[in-house]
């Protein structure tokens, strides 16, 4: 179950996402998504932490790259709900490849298979 975020808890995001380019290879059982984002640290963020935390559930991470260079697992942390890419301290392109199953998505949000 997703964590509730209250308005009082809102903080400036650590990074600004300037562009997003999504490529889908749709399949009912195994869809792949290539997400390429141009990001930069937010100069108005309260925290000086340069970790970029992205939400995502029921996804299988295939790869993460920064400016075309694949990142090893020491550069990011993956949990059931988040992908955190450590020390994104400059403007760059991040490419994330995920897989998921629309036919297994019973939450009926995002991409799912229906009759």
Protein backbone atom coordinates (compact mmCIF):
# COMPACT_ATOMS: atom_id res chain seq x y z
CA UNK A 1 0.00 0.00 0.00
CA UNK A 2 1.28 3.45 -0.93
CA UNK A 3 2.46 5.81 1.78
CA UNK A 4 0.17 8.77 2.43
CA UNK A 5 1.83 12.12 1.77
CA UNK A 6 0.27 15.07 3.54
CA UNK A 7 0.41 18.67 2.35
CA UNK A 8 2.27 19.71 5.52
CA UNK A 9 4.99 17.19 4.61
CA UNK A 10 5.62 18.76 1.19
CA UNK A 11 9.18 19.87 0.46
CA UNK A 12 10.76 21.22 -2.71
CA UNK A 13 11.89 18.28 -4.84
CA UNK A 14 15.60 17.51 -4.75
CA UNK A 15 15.77 17.55 -8.55
CA UNK A 16 13.96 19.13 -11.46
CA UNK A 17 12.99 16.88 -14.34
CA UNK A 18 13.21 19.01 -17.47
CA UNK A 19 12.11 16.43 -20.05
CA UNK A 20 10.79 12.87 -20.11
CA UNK A 21 10.83 10.55 -23.11
CA UNK A 22 9.00 7.22 -22.74
CA UNK A 23 9.23 4.25 -25.11
CA UNK A 24 6.89 1.29 -24.61
CA UNK A 25 7.11 -2.24 -26.00
CA UNK A 26 3.58 -3.34 -25.11
CA UNK A 27 2.79 -6.96 -24.30
CA UNK A 28 0.04 -8.21 -21.98
CA UNK A 29 2.44 -10.36 -19.98
CA UNK A 30 5.73 -8.46 -20.17
CA UNK A 31 5.81 -4.80 -21.20
CA UNK A 32 9.09 -2.91 -21.24
CA UNK A 33 9.43 0.82 -20.70
CA UNK A 34 12.49 2.91 -21.49
CA UNK A 35 12.32 6.19 -19.55
CA UNK A 36 14.89 8.83 -20.51
CA UNK A 37 14.84 11.96 -18.34
CA UNK A 38 16.91 15.13 -18.41
CA UNK A 39 17.33 16.15 -14.76
CA UNK A 40 19.21 18.69 -12.69
CA UNK A 41 19.57 19.38 -8.97
CA UNK A 42 16.99 21.85 -7.71
CA UNK A 43 18.76 24.99 -6.43
CA UNK A 44 15.73 25.75 -4.22
CA UNK A 45 15.69 22.38 -2.48
CA UNK A 46 16.10 22.55 1.28
CA UNK A 47 18.23 19.42 1.46
CA UNK A 48 21.77 19.30 0.11
CA UNK A 49 21.29 15.59 -0.53
CA UNK A 50 21.80 14.83 -4.22
CA UNK A 51 19.93 11.51 -4.16
CA UNK A 52 17.16 11.33 -6.76
CA UNK A 53 14.23 9.32 -5.35
CA UNK A 54 11.66 8.02 -7.84
CA UNK A 55 8.39 6.28 -6.99
CA UNK A 56 7.36 3.05 -8.69
CA UNK A 57 5.57 -0.16 -7.74
CA UNK A 58 5.21 -3.59 -9.37
CA UNK A 59 8.13 -2.87 -11.70
CA UNK A 60 11.15 -5.03 -12.44
CA UNK A 61 14.26 -2.92 -12.90
CA UNK A 62 16.33 -3.93 -15.93
CA UNK A 63 18.94 -1.18 -16.01
CA UNK A 64 19.87 2.37 -14.98
CA UNK A 65 22.30 4.60 -16.90
CA UNK A 66 23.58 8.12 -16.32
CA UNK A 67 24.67 9.98 -19.47
CA UNK A 68 24.81 6.66 -21.31
CA UNK A 69 27.00 4.92 -18.73
CA UNK A 70 25.32 1.93 -17.01
CA UNK A 71 25.30 2.25 -13.21
CA UNK A 72 26.31 -0.63 -11.00
CA UNK A 73 24.16 -1.49 -7.99
CA UNK A 74 26.33 0.56 -5.62
CA UNK A 75 25.09 3.77 -7.33
CA UNK A 76 21.40 3.17 -6.57
CA UNK A 77 19.04 1.60 -4.04
CA UNK A 78 15.96 -0.33 -5.11
CA UNK A 79 13.01 -1.06 -2.80
CA UNK A 80 9.50 -2.31 -3.51
CA UNK A 81 8.27 1.32 -3.84
CA UNK A 82 11.29 3.43 -4.85
CA UNK A 83 14.40 3.69 -6.95
CA UNK A 84 16.96 6.05 -5.41
CA UNK A 85 19.87 7.06 -7.60
CA UNK A 86 22.71 8.31 -5.42
CA UNK A 87 24.69 11.53 -5.89
CA UNK A 88 23.02 13.03 -8.96
CA UNK A 89 24.85 16.31 -8.36
CA UNK A 90 24.81 17.79 -11.89
CA UNK A 91 22.57 18.20 -14.90
CA UNK A 92 22.43 14.88 -16.77
CA UNK A 93 20.37 12.34 -18.69
CA UNK A 94 19.11 9.32 -16.80
CA UNK A 95 17.81 6.28 -18.64
CA UNK A 96 15.82 3.66 -16.71
CA UNK A 97 14.53 0.43 -18.25
CA UNK A 98 11.74 -1.44 -16.44
CA UNK A 99 9.50 -4.42 -17.15
CA UNK A 100 6.04 -5.16 -15.79
CA UNK A 101 2.97 -7.25 -16.52
CA UNK A 102 -0.22 -5.39 -17.49
CA UNK A 103 -2.24 -8.63 -17.18
CA UNK A 104 -1.10 -9.02 -13.55
CA UNK A 105 -2.01 -5.40 -12.67
CA UNK A 106 -5.20 -5.79 -10.63
CA UNK A 107 -5.02 -2.25 -9.18
CA UNK A 108 -6.45 -0.92 -12.47
CA UNK A 109 -4.09 2.04 -12.49
CA UNK A 110 -1.28 2.74 -14.89
CA UNK A 111 -1.14 0.24 -17.75
CA UNK A 112 -3.35 -2.82 -17.28
CA UNK A 113 -5.13 -5.39 -19.42
CA UNK A 114 -8.92 -5.28 -19.60
CA UNK A 115 -11.64 -6.91 -21.60
